[in-house]
Every structure is written in structure tokens, then in C-alpha cells.
């Protein structure tokens, strides 16, 4: 543009110089130059009017013809319009492909604006979420009113999906996840997980039923094995004492496994929130330390407790005891003789933590993310030798999830492990405050 502008200035300067030279004999050079400038300004105004008329008529493809600088302006705008049209066509093509692709997806897909209005949805969203074309522009919370989904969208933390009944068919279960996309919009995707939930319920019921059926014969077997193990040395059965003791140990292990399976099934199947009764965690920690010393026995672990007696936790005491006991018992099992185990309870940040730290064998880093899976063991042989069921940390995870807490694990091979149960402020109270609340 610098070239055309320079030429325009040169032409203007040359024209004004000619006018001044022509009018000089008449001593009207100034008037001639002023008249020339007015004519030049008028010409510019005419070109501006042509430009505005061309821009107003969007259907006109060709720009006005004009010499000099204005010709360059018209041609430049025309080229810019052409590029914009190409971009729009390309963008429209991408949008069409996106819409065609998402229509083929069996999952419901909804685009939500920064203000929460529904901008677009696919056909599956109509089937699963009951959305209709008239719902475009409506607020998503006004149409999908389930409180869990509303709370999920308001939290803004979309790491895990939320499960809700399908608005179009409450007998179906949807797993909904929000994905942040460009310009503060969100993409809601809902998947029908009814079949998966049904299979999970069947599996859970099967485990619970089998465990119940096994409990009675195991109890009878345990009683008979205990009676046999008490036979005097001179008795014929006394010669089988080692074999009877092995049977007793395996029967006990099976009984523990059944009890853990029943506990896990109960936790998985109970959708009701746990009660919010004050639990004296400091007293519970002291009790667990006494049990751990008995479990340690001749291994003589050093077991210490650091607990804030004035801090209580709102929840189900039985469930919390089960979770904390699993952590403490694991520490005893996997800490060498004479090692140190510390149980700590106290405020941290806005909430509180229950921490079990040991100087045990440690856990290799690749195994840590999978520790809370049921039956997952880092060392199968060692776990069986110690009598572990492989369900303890799965129980811990479920108990903490029911109490809105999370489990954090830090470990290094040969240097020990730390298991930290972190509770939010909503579950933590000072003892005096809890007693005053009744």
C-alpha cells in the first residue's frame, strides 16, 4: 500500500503545483490551490459513498471501478472478501462434518455456551436426554434438573463423570461427563450405562450371595478344626497336629476373605449417604494401636500415636474403623521386625487427615495407582503368607468415597510408605462444637 499511497501523494502534489503555476499570473495561486483541494476532497467523498453502497449490497460480487488509491482500496477489500468467503466455506464444511460425525455417535452430545445455554445437540441427546429443537437457547439446568448433575456442572471439576437417571426414561442410567472446549464452552456427553450397571449389580449380588452361603459351612468347619486341634498329644489325632493347624489357618483365611467380600458388597450396594455422627478418631486411633501391638506380638514394632483429641469426624464409625484398621494392619504386616509405625490424626489445611506411616518394605511406583483394586497384590506370595485377602485397600477406597474423602499414597522401596486419608472441612468438627450441636 505504500507504493500506491506515494503515487497518490505525488499526483496530488503535481496537480496542485500546476494549478498554482497556472493561476500565478492572475495572482490567484492560493485560491486555485484551495479549489483543487476542495475538488480532491469531494472526489474522496464520492468514493467513500461508493464504498459504503458496495459494502451495504452484500450480493454484489464485483467492487466499483476507480483510479489510483481508491482502486487499490476496492481491489484489496474485494480480495479480503474472497478470502473470508473461502474461510467461511471451509469452516461450514468442518461444522457439517462435526455434526455428521456426532449424529453417528450413540452417546448424547450437547454444546453448552459459557452462560449455560444449549447451543447444539445431536440426535442421541434427543433420545437419551429428551431434548427437542425448541430447547435450543434454553439453560441446561432448566432442562436437565437432576441435582447431582447441577452440582457437578457448578463445581467445575470434571475429572470424573456423574451418573443420573435418564430424563427421557428414568429406568435407564446415564454417565455424564463435561469437557471444556474453546471460548469457555462445554461439551456434555452422556452414555447409557444401564446394561453395565445391571451387570455390576448382578456381579455384586452374586458375590454377596456366595459369601453368605460360604459363611455358615466355614463357621462349622472352623469349630470342628478347633476341636481337633485340642486333641492331646498321645491321641491318634495328635500325630496330625501340624496338618490340622494348616487347615485351621486356611479356614481362618477363607473366613476373613468372606467377611471382606461381604463388607465390600455392602459398601458398593449402599447408595445412602453415611450418617453424620461424631466419631472420636483419637480414641479410635489409640484402640487400633493396641490391636496393632497385639498383632505385632514378638515382632516388637514401635507403634506411636499422634492424635488431636479435640477433633472429631462426622460419619459412620463402623465403616471408618474398618478403613483405618486395614491401613494399620497392613503396616504391621509389611513392616520388618522392630520397625516403626506412626498413626496420626489432626487438622491440615481446611480439613483433617488420618495418616499411617511405616518404615516397611515400600511399594514400587508402578504398583501404586492399582493398589485399591480388589484382589490386586504387589507380591502375591508374601500377601498369602501374611494372610492378606487383597480387598483391604478396596474397602478403604469405598469407605473414603462414601465420606467424601480421598486416599493419597506415598512410598519408596526400602524406605516405607505413607497412607493419608484426607477429609474435607464439611466432615470435621471440634469436639466442643459437635457436643453443643447434640
Protein backbone atom coordinates (compact mmCIF):
# COMPACT_ATOMS: atom_id res chain seq x y z
CA UNK A 1 0.00 0.00 0.00
CA UNK A 2 2.99 2.31 0.46
CA UNK A 3 3.59 2.42 -3.33
CA UNK A 4 0.03 3.47 -4.32
CA UNK A 5 -0.11 5.98 -1.46
CA UNK A 6 3.18 7.56 -2.56
CA UNK A 7 1.95 7.79 -6.15
CA UNK A 8 -1.28 9.37 -4.96
CA UNK A 9 0.64 11.99 -2.98
CA UNK A 10 2.87 12.71 -5.97
CA UNK A 11 -0.13 13.12 -8.26
CA UNK A 12 -1.83 15.46 -5.78
CA UNK A 13 1.34 17.49 -5.31
CA UNK A 14 1.88 17.73 -9.07
CA UNK A 15 -1.72 18.78 -9.70
CA UNK A 16 -1.66 21.45 -7.03
CA UNK A 17 1.66 22.76 -8.40
CA UNK A 18 0.22 23.03 -11.91
CA UNK A 19 -2.85 24.87 -10.59
CA UNK A 20 -0.64 27.27 -8.63
CA UNK A 21 1.57 27.90 -11.69
CA UNK A 22 -1.43 28.50 -13.97
CA UNK A 23 -3.04 30.96 -11.56
CA UNK A 24 0.18 32.77 -10.65
CA UNK A 25 -0.06 35.45 -13.44
CA UNK A 26 -3.51 36.31 -12.10
CA UNK A 27 -2.20 36.38 -8.55
CA UNK A 28 -4.77 33.72 -7.59
CA UNK A 29 -2.45 30.83 -6.85
CA UNK A 30 -3.80 30.36 -3.29
CA UNK A 31 -7.42 30.32 -4.46
CA UNK A 32 -6.56 27.84 -7.19
CA UNK A 33 -4.81 25.50 -4.75
CA UNK A 34 -7.78 25.72 -2.30
CA UNK A 35 -10.23 24.98 -5.08
CA UNK A 36 -8.14 21.98 -6.12
CA UNK A 37 -8.10 20.65 -2.57
CA UNK A 38 -11.89 21.02 -2.31
CA UNK A 39 -12.34 19.13 -5.57
CA UNK A 40 -9.97 16.43 -4.34
CA UNK A 41 -11.90 16.16 -1.08
CA UNK A 42 -15.18 15.96 -2.99
CA UNK A 43 -13.78 13.14 -5.10
CA UNK A 44 -12.82 11.27 -1.96
CA UNK A 45 -16.32 11.71 -0.53
CA UNK A 46 -17.81 10.32 -3.73
CA UNK A 47 -15.53 7.27 -3.48
CA UNK A 48 -16.44 6.79 0.20
CA UNK A 49 -20.13 6.88 -0.77
CA UNK A 50 -19.49 4.26 -3.48
CA UNK A 51 -17.61 2.14 -0.94
CA UNK A 52 -20.45 2.28 1.57
CA UNK A 53 -23.01 1.43 -1.11
CA UNK A 54 -20.91 -1.56 -2.21
CA UNK A 55 -20.47 -2.82 1.35
CA UNK A 56 -24.20 -2.41 2.01
CA UNK A 57 -25.06 -4.52 -1.03
CA UNK A 58 -23.56 -7.81 0.04
CA UNK A 59 -24.85 -9.58 -3.06
CA UNK A 60 -22.69 -7.54 -5.43
CA UNK A 61 -19.62 -9.57 -6.32
CA UNK A 62 -17.55 -7.00 -8.18
CA UNK A 63 -16.25 -3.81 -6.50
CA UNK A 64 -16.66 -0.32 -8.08
CA UNK A 65 -14.09 0.79 -10.64
CA UNK A 66 -11.88 3.68 -9.51
CA UNK A 67 -8.47 5.03 -10.48
CA UNK A 68 -5.46 5.44 -8.21
CA UNK A 69 -5.55 4.84 -4.48
CA UNK A 70 -9.26 4.06 -4.34
CA UNK A 71 -8.88 1.41 -6.97
CA UNK A 72 -6.28 -0.25 -4.74
CA UNK A 73 -8.64 0.01 -1.75
CA UNK A 74 -11.56 -1.54 -3.65
CA UNK A 75 -9.40 -4.35 -5.04
CA UNK A 76 -7.88 -5.05 -1.58
CA UNK A 77 -11.29 -5.26 0.07
CA UNK A 78 -12.54 -7.48 -2.73
CA UNK A 79 -9.62 -9.88 -2.23
CA UNK A 80 -10.24 -9.85 1.54
CA UNK A 81 -13.90 -10.70 0.95
CA UNK A 82 -12.86 -13.59 -1.23
CA UNK A 83 -10.55 -14.99 1.44
CA UNK A 84 -13.26 -14.60 4.09
CA UNK A 85 -15.75 -16.44 1.88
CA UNK A 86 -13.27 -19.30 1.48
CA UNK A 87 -12.71 -19.41 5.24
CA UNK A 88 -16.45 -19.45 5.88
CA UNK A 89 -16.95 -22.27 3.40
CA UNK A 90 -14.12 -24.24 4.99
CA UNK A 91 -15.49 -23.60 8.49
CA UNK A 92 -19.02 -24.53 7.40
CA UNK A 93 -17.64 -27.74 5.90
CA UNK A 94 -15.84 -28.57 9.17
CA UNK A 95 -19.01 -27.86 11.17
CA UNK A 96 -21.07 -30.08 8.83
CA UNK A 97 -18.56 -32.88 9.21
CA UNK A 98 -18.57 -32.45 13.00
CA UNK A 99 -22.36 -32.55 13.10
CA UNK A 100 -22.50 -35.58 10.81
CA UNK A 101 -19.91 -37.35 12.96
CA UNK A 102 -21.63 -36.57 16.25
CA UNK A 103 -25.00 -37.62 14.84
CA UNK A 104 -23.49 -41.06 14.27
CA UNK A 105 -22.21 -41.24 17.87
CA UNK A 106 -24.55 -43.29 20.09
CA UNK A 107 -23.69 -41.05 23.06
CA UNK A 108 -25.70 -37.89 23.67
CA UNK A 109 -23.62 -34.80 22.79
CA UNK A 110 -24.59 -31.26 23.81
CA UNK A 111 -22.69 -27.99 23.29
CA UNK A 112 -23.28 -25.56 26.17
CA UNK A 113 -22.42 -21.85 25.97
CA UNK A 114 -20.41 -20.02 28.68
CA UNK A 115 -23.72 -18.83 30.11
CA UNK A 116 -25.14 -22.35 30.29
CA UNK A 117 -27.43 -22.16 27.25
CA UNK A 118 -27.77 -25.14 24.90
CA UNK A 119 -26.26 -24.21 21.52
CA UNK A 120 -26.43 -27.57 19.72
CA UNK A 121 -27.14 -31.24 20.36
CA UNK A 122 -27.14 -34.46 18.34
CA UNK A 123 -29.93 -36.95 17.72
CA UNK A 124 -28.84 -39.19 20.62
CA UNK A 125 -29.35 -36.27 23.01
CA UNK A 126 -32.96 -36.18 21.91
CA UNK A 127 -33.38 -39.89 22.68
CA UNK A 128 -31.42 -40.05 25.94
CA UNK A 129 -31.93 -36.55 27.38
CA UNK A 130 -35.34 -35.77 25.89
CA UNK A 131 -34.12 -32.58 24.18
CA UNK A 132 -36.13 -31.05 21.33
CA UNK A 133 -35.34 -28.39 18.75
CA UNK A 134 -37.27 -25.80 20.74
CA UNK A 135 -34.82 -26.32 23.62
CA UNK A 136 -32.00 -24.58 21.74
CA UNK A 137 -31.11 -21.46 23.69
CA UNK A 138 -32.62 -22.74 26.94
CA UNK A 139 -30.48 -23.05 30.05
CA UNK A 140 -29.15 -26.57 30.55
CA UNK A 141 -30.08 -26.59 34.27
CA UNK A 142 -33.70 -25.78 33.41
CA UNK A 143 -33.95 -28.88 31.23
CA UNK A 144 -31.64 -31.37 32.95
CA UNK A 145 -32.67 -30.69 36.52
CA UNK A 146 -31.17 -33.62 38.39
CA UNK A 147 -29.44 -32.16 41.50
CA UNK A 148 -26.32 -34.30 41.06
CA UNK A 149 -25.80 -33.01 37.51
CA UNK A 150 -26.46 -29.39 38.53
CA UNK A 151 -23.94 -29.68 41.38
CA UNK A 152 -21.44 -31.37 39.03
CA UNK A 153 -21.65 -28.52 36.49
CA UNK A 154 -21.44 -25.86 39.20
CA UNK A 155 -18.31 -27.42 40.76
CA UNK A 156 -16.42 -27.14 37.50
CA UNK A 157 -14.28 -30.19 38.38
CA UNK A 158 -14.86 -32.64 35.54
CA UNK A 159 -12.24 -35.33 36.30
CA UNK A 160 -14.90 -37.98 36.95
CA UNK A 161 -18.34 -38.44 35.30
CA UNK A 162 -21.60 -38.21 37.22
CA UNK A 163 -24.37 -40.81 36.98
CA UNK A 164 -28.02 -39.73 36.74
CA UNK A 165 -31.33 -41.31 35.68
CA UNK A 166 -32.12 -40.58 32.02
CA UNK A 167 -34.60 -37.66 31.86
CA UNK A 168 -36.39 -39.33 28.95
CA UNK A 169 -36.52 -42.73 30.71
CA UNK A 170 -35.76 -42.84 34.47
CA UNK A 171 -35.32 -46.63 34.25
CA UNK A 172 -32.08 -46.03 32.36
CA UNK A 173 -28.85 -44.77 33.88
CA UNK A 174 -26.62 -42.21 32.15
CA UNK A 175 -22.97 -41.44 32.80
CA UNK A 176 -22.45 -37.74 32.03
CA UNK A 177 -19.07 -36.05 31.58
CA UNK A 178 -18.36 -32.38 30.79
CA UNK A 179 -15.42 -31.45 28.58
CA UNK A 180 -14.23 -27.81 28.45
CA UNK A 181 -13.81 -26.63 24.84
CA UNK A 182 -12.96 -23.33 23.12
CA UNK A 183 -14.15 -19.96 24.42
CA UNK A 184 -15.35 -21.28 27.81
CA UNK A 185 -17.90 -23.58 26.24
CA UNK A 186 -18.54 -27.10 27.47
CA UNK A 187 -19.28 -30.32 25.66
CA UNK A 188 -21.64 -32.57 27.60
CA UNK A 189 -21.52 -36.25 26.69
CA UNK A 190 -23.97 -38.73 28.17
CA UNK A 191 -23.58 -42.50 27.77
CA UNK A 192 -26.21 -45.13 28.52
CA UNK A 193 -24.62 -47.38 31.18
CA UNK A 194 -27.81 -49.19 32.15
CA UNK A 195 -26.50 -52.56 30.97
CA UNK A 196 -23.16 -52.06 32.71
CA UNK A 197 -24.92 -51.10 35.96
CA UNK A 198 -27.13 -54.16 35.66
CA UNK A 199 -24.13 -56.42 35.15
CA UNK A 200 -22.35 -54.76 38.06
CA UNK A 201 -25.40 -55.33 40.26
CA UNK A 202 -25.56 -58.98 39.18
CA UNK A 203 -21.87 -59.43 39.98
CA UNK A 204 -22.27 -57.71 43.34
CA UNK A 205 -25.33 -59.78 44.24
CA UNK A 206 -23.56 -62.97 43.17
CA UNK A 207 -20.53 -62.21 45.36
CA UNK A 208 -22.76 -61.30 48.31
CA UNK A 209 -24.92 -64.41 47.94
CA UNK A 210 -21.97 -66.77 47.55
CA UNK A 211 -20.24 -65.16 50.51
CA UNK A 212 -23.35 -65.62 52.65
CA UNK A 213 -23.61 -69.25 51.58
CA UNK A 214 -19.95 -69.85 52.44
CA UNK A 215 -20.12 -68.22 55.86
CA UNK A 216 -22.16 -70.98 57.55
CA UNK A 217 -20.10 -74.02 56.40
CA UNK A 218 -16.90 -72.13 57.17
CA UNK A 219 -18.13 -71.45 60.69
CA UNK A 220 -18.90 -75.16 61.17
CA UNK A 221 -15.52 -76.16 59.72
CA UNK A 222 -13.70 -73.70 61.97
CA UNK A 223 -15.41 -75.13 65.04
CA UNK A 224 -14.53 -78.73 64.14
CA UNK A 225 -10.93 -77.84 63.27
CA UNK A 226 -10.52 -76.05 66.61
CA UNK A 227 -11.89 -79.13 68.40
CA UNK A 228 -9.50 -81.41 66.52
CA UNK A 229 -6.51 -79.17 67.26
CA UNK A 230 -7.16 -79.56 71.01
CA UNK A 231 -6.62 -83.34 70.90
CA UNK A 232 -3.93 -84.50 73.40
CA UNK A 233 -0.50 -85.43 72.11
CA UNK A 234 -0.97 -89.10 72.93
CA UNK A 235 -4.21 -89.27 70.97
CA UNK A 236 -4.21 -90.55 67.41
CA UNK A 237 -5.22 -87.10 66.20
CA UNK A 238 -2.19 -85.61 67.93
CA UNK A 239 0.03 -87.06 65.21
CA UNK A 240 -1.86 -84.90 62.71
CA UNK A 241 -1.44 -81.71 64.71
CA UNK A 242 0.64 -79.90 62.02
CA UNK A 243 -1.85 -80.80 59.27
CA UNK A 244 -4.79 -79.76 61.43
CA UNK A 245 -3.07 -76.46 62.20
CA UNK A 246 -2.55 -75.83 58.47
CA UNK A 247 -6.25 -76.50 57.84
CA UNK A 248 -7.16 -74.12 60.69
CA UNK A 249 -5.00 -71.35 59.20
CA UNK A 250 -6.54 -71.71 55.75
CA UNK A 251 -10.05 -71.87 57.18
CA UNK A 252 -9.39 -68.66 59.09
CA UNK A 253 -8.04 -67.06 55.92
CA UNK A 254 -11.17 -68.09 53.99
CA UNK A 255 -13.36 -66.71 56.77
CA UNK A 256 -11.56 -63.37 56.60
CA UNK A 257 -11.94 -63.36 52.82
CA UNK A 258 -15.69 -63.98 53.08
CA UNK A 259 -16.06 -61.23 55.69
CA UNK A 260 -14.17 -58.76 53.48
CA UNK A 261 -16.25 -59.71 50.43
CA UNK A 262 -19.45 -59.16 52.38
CA UNK A 263 -18.20 -55.80 53.67
CA UNK A 264 -17.18 -54.69 50.18
CA UNK A 265 -20.51 -55.78 48.70
CA UNK A 266 -22.36 -53.86 51.38
CA UNK A 267 -20.35 -50.70 50.72
CA UNK A 268 -20.83 -50.95 46.96
CA UNK A 269 -24.55 -51.60 47.21
CA UNK A 270 -25.38 -48.94 49.82
CA UNK A 271 -26.34 -45.75 47.94
CA UNK A 272 -27.46 -43.93 51.07
CA UNK A 273 -25.01 -41.37 52.42
CA UNK A 274 -23.33 -42.41 55.67
CA UNK A 275 -24.69 -40.92 58.91
CA UNK A 276 -23.03 -37.81 60.26
CA UNK A 277 -22.42 -38.91 63.84
CA UNK A 278 -19.36 -37.57 65.70
CA UNK A 279 -16.56 -40.15 65.69
CA UNK A 280 -13.76 -39.71 68.24
CA UNK A 281 -10.92 -40.56 65.88
CA UNK A 282 -8.24 -40.01 68.56
CA UNK A 283 -9.77 -42.73 70.77
CA UNK A 284 -10.20 -44.95 67.71
CA UNK A 285 -6.52 -44.45 66.80
CA UNK A 286 -5.46 -45.44 70.33
CA UNK A 287 -7.62 -48.58 70.13
CA UNK A 288 -6.17 -49.52 66.74
CA UNK A 289 -2.65 -49.03 68.13
CA UNK A 290 -3.40 -51.50 70.95
CA UNK A 291 -4.69 -54.03 68.42
CA UNK A 292 -1.61 -53.48 66.27
CA UNK A 293 0.70 -54.19 69.24
CA UNK A 294 -1.14 -57.48 69.86
CA UNK A 295 -0.91 -58.33 66.17
CA UNK A 296 2.79 -57.48 66.15
CA UNK A 297 3.49 -59.71 69.17
CA UNK A 298 7.08 -60.93 69.21
CA UNK A 299 7.96 -58.80 66.17
CA UNK A 300 8.06 -55.82 68.56
CA UNK A 301 7.12 -52.99 66.23
CA UNK A 302 7.33 -49.49 67.70
CA UNK A 303 3.78 -48.18 67.31
CA UNK A 304 3.18 -44.49 68.09
CA UNK A 305 0.02 -42.37 68.07
CA UNK A 306 -0.18 -38.62 67.49
CA UNK A 307 -3.82 -37.54 67.62
CA UNK A 308 -5.75 -34.34 68.29
CA UNK A 309 -8.32 -35.42 70.88
CA UNK A 310 -10.36 -32.26 70.34
CA UNK A 311 -11.00 -33.05 66.67
CA UNK A 312 -13.89 -35.35 65.68
CA UNK A 313 -15.09 -36.65 62.33
CA UNK A 314 -18.71 -36.86 61.18
CA UNK A 315 -19.51 -40.25 59.69
CA UNK A 316 -20.22 -43.93 60.23
CA UNK A 317 -17.91 -45.16 62.97
CA UNK A 318 -18.04 -48.82 61.89
CA UNK A 319 -17.03 -48.01 58.32
CA UNK A 320 -14.27 -45.63 59.36
CA UNK A 321 -12.92 -48.15 61.86
CA UNK A 322 -12.82 -50.80 59.14
CA UNK A 323 -10.91 -48.49 56.76
CA UNK A 324 -8.40 -47.26 59.36
CA UNK A 325 -7.87 -50.79 60.74
CA UNK A 326 -7.00 -52.08 57.27
CA UNK A 327 -4.30 -49.41 56.91
CA UNK A 328 -2.84 -50.10 60.34
CA UNK A 329 -2.90 -53.90 59.94
CA UNK A 330 -1.23 -53.60 56.51
CA UNK A 331 1.53 -51.51 58.10
CA UNK A 332 2.15 -54.23 60.69
CA UNK A 333 2.18 -57.00 58.08
CA UNK A 334 4.61 -55.27 55.70
CA UNK A 335 7.00 -53.67 58.20
CA UNK A 336 10.07 -55.69 59.23
CA UNK A 337 10.54 -56.71 62.87
CA UNK A 338 11.35 -53.77 65.13
CA UNK A 339 10.20 -51.20 62.57
CA UNK A 340 8.29 -48.04 63.44
CA UNK A 341 4.61 -47.36 62.67
CA UNK A 342 3.06 -43.95 63.31
CA UNK A 343 -0.68 -43.27 63.42
CA UNK A 344 -1.54 -39.58 63.16
CA UNK A 345 -4.85 -37.68 63.24
CA UNK A 346 -5.15 -33.92 63.07
CA UNK A 347 -6.18 -30.81 61.21
CA UNK A 348 -4.49 -29.99 57.93
CA UNK A 349 -5.47 -27.15 55.64
CA UNK A 350 -9.26 -26.68 55.62
CA UNK A 351 -9.93 -30.28 56.66
CA UNK A 352 -8.22 -33.10 58.52
CA UNK A 353 -6.10 -36.17 57.79
CA UNK A 354 -5.71 -39.67 59.20
CA UNK A 355 -2.21 -40.85 58.38
CA UNK A 356 -0.48 -44.22 58.77
CA UNK A 357 3.28 -44.13 58.18
CA UNK A 358 5.61 -47.13 58.37
CA UNK A 359 9.25 -47.99 57.80
CA UNK A 360 8.32 -51.09 55.86
CA UNK A 361 9.43 -52.65 52.61
CA UNK A 362 7.82 -49.95 50.46
CA UNK A 363 5.91 -50.23 47.20
CA UNK A 364 7.37 -49.86 43.69
CA UNK A 365 5.94 -46.76 41.97
CA UNK A 366 4.25 -48.61 39.05
CA UNK A 367 2.05 -50.53 41.50
CA UNK A 368 0.73 -47.55 43.49
CA UNK A 369 -2.11 -46.49 41.11
CA UNK A 370 -3.56 -50.05 41.24
CA UNK A 371 -3.33 -50.72 44.98
CA UNK A 372 -7.03 -50.04 45.63
CA UNK A 373 -8.20 -52.53 43.00
CA UNK A 374 -9.84 -55.60 44.52
CA UNK A 375 -7.50 -58.62 44.79
CA UNK A 376 -4.54 -56.63 43.48
CA UNK A 377 -1.30 -57.63 45.18
CA UNK A 378 2.22 -56.32 44.69
CA UNK A 379 3.75 -59.59 45.93
CA UNK A 380 1.26 -62.46 45.73
CA UNK A 381 3.41 -64.92 47.68
CA UNK A 382 4.11 -62.50 50.51
CA UNK A 383 0.48 -61.43 50.70
CA UNK A 384 -0.70 -65.02 51.04
CA UNK A 385 1.96 -65.73 53.62
CA UNK A 386 0.74 -62.78 55.71
CA UNK A 387 -2.89 -63.82 55.37
CA UNK A 388 -3.97 -60.82 53.27
CA UNK A 389 -7.17 -61.03 51.21
CA UNK A 390 -6.32 -58.36 48.64
CA UNK A 391 -9.53 -56.48 49.50
CA UNK A 392 -8.40 -54.21 52.33
CA UNK A 393 -7.46 -51.15 50.27
CA UNK A 394 -10.55 -51.59 48.07
CA UNK A 395 -12.62 -51.34 51.26
CA UNK A 396 -10.64 -48.26 52.30
CA UNK A 397 -11.33 -46.59 48.95
CA UNK A 398 -15.08 -47.24 49.13
CA UNK A 399 -15.37 -46.05 52.73
CA UNK A 400 -13.50 -42.84 51.95
CA UNK A 401 -15.56 -42.23 48.81
CA UNK A 402 -18.75 -42.54 50.86
CA UNK A 403 -17.36 -39.94 53.27
CA UNK A 404 -16.28 -37.53 50.53
CA UNK A 405 -12.61 -38.19 51.30
CA UNK A 406 -9.66 -39.38 49.23
CA UNK A 407 -6.70 -41.67 49.74
CA UNK A 408 -3.16 -40.46 49.00
CA UNK A 409 -0.29 -42.95 48.88
CA UNK A 410 3.43 -42.17 49.05
CA UNK A 411 6.01 -44.93 49.09
CA UNK A 412 9.61 -45.75 48.27
CA UNK A 413 11.07 -49.24 48.09
CA UNK A 414 13.08 -49.99 51.24
CA UNK A 415 12.06 -46.73 52.95
CA UNK A 416 8.44 -47.31 53.90
CA UNK A 417 5.02 -45.98 52.99
CA UNK A 418 2.55 -43.29 53.99
CA UNK A 419 -1.20 -43.71 53.55
CA UNK A 420 -3.08 -40.44 54.01
CA UNK A 421 -6.90 -40.23 54.32
CA UNK A 422 -7.83 -36.62 53.58
CA UNK A 423 -11.25 -35.36 54.77
CA UNK A 424 -12.92 -32.11 53.73
CA UNK A 425 -13.85 -29.43 56.24
CA UNK A 426 -17.56 -30.35 55.97
CA UNK A 427 -16.84 -33.62 57.83
CA UNK A 428 -14.60 -32.19 60.55
CA UNK A 429 -15.70 -30.62 63.84
CA UNK A 430 -14.17 -29.56 67.09
CA UNK A 431 -15.37 -31.78 69.97
CA UNK A 432 -17.00 -28.89 71.83
CA UNK A 433 -18.79 -27.79 68.68
CA UNK A 434 -20.05 -31.32 67.99
CA UNK A 435 -21.25 -31.80 71.57
CA UNK A 436 -23.05 -28.44 71.51
CA UNK A 437 -24.83 -29.47 68.30
CA UNK A 438 -26.12 -32.54 70.13
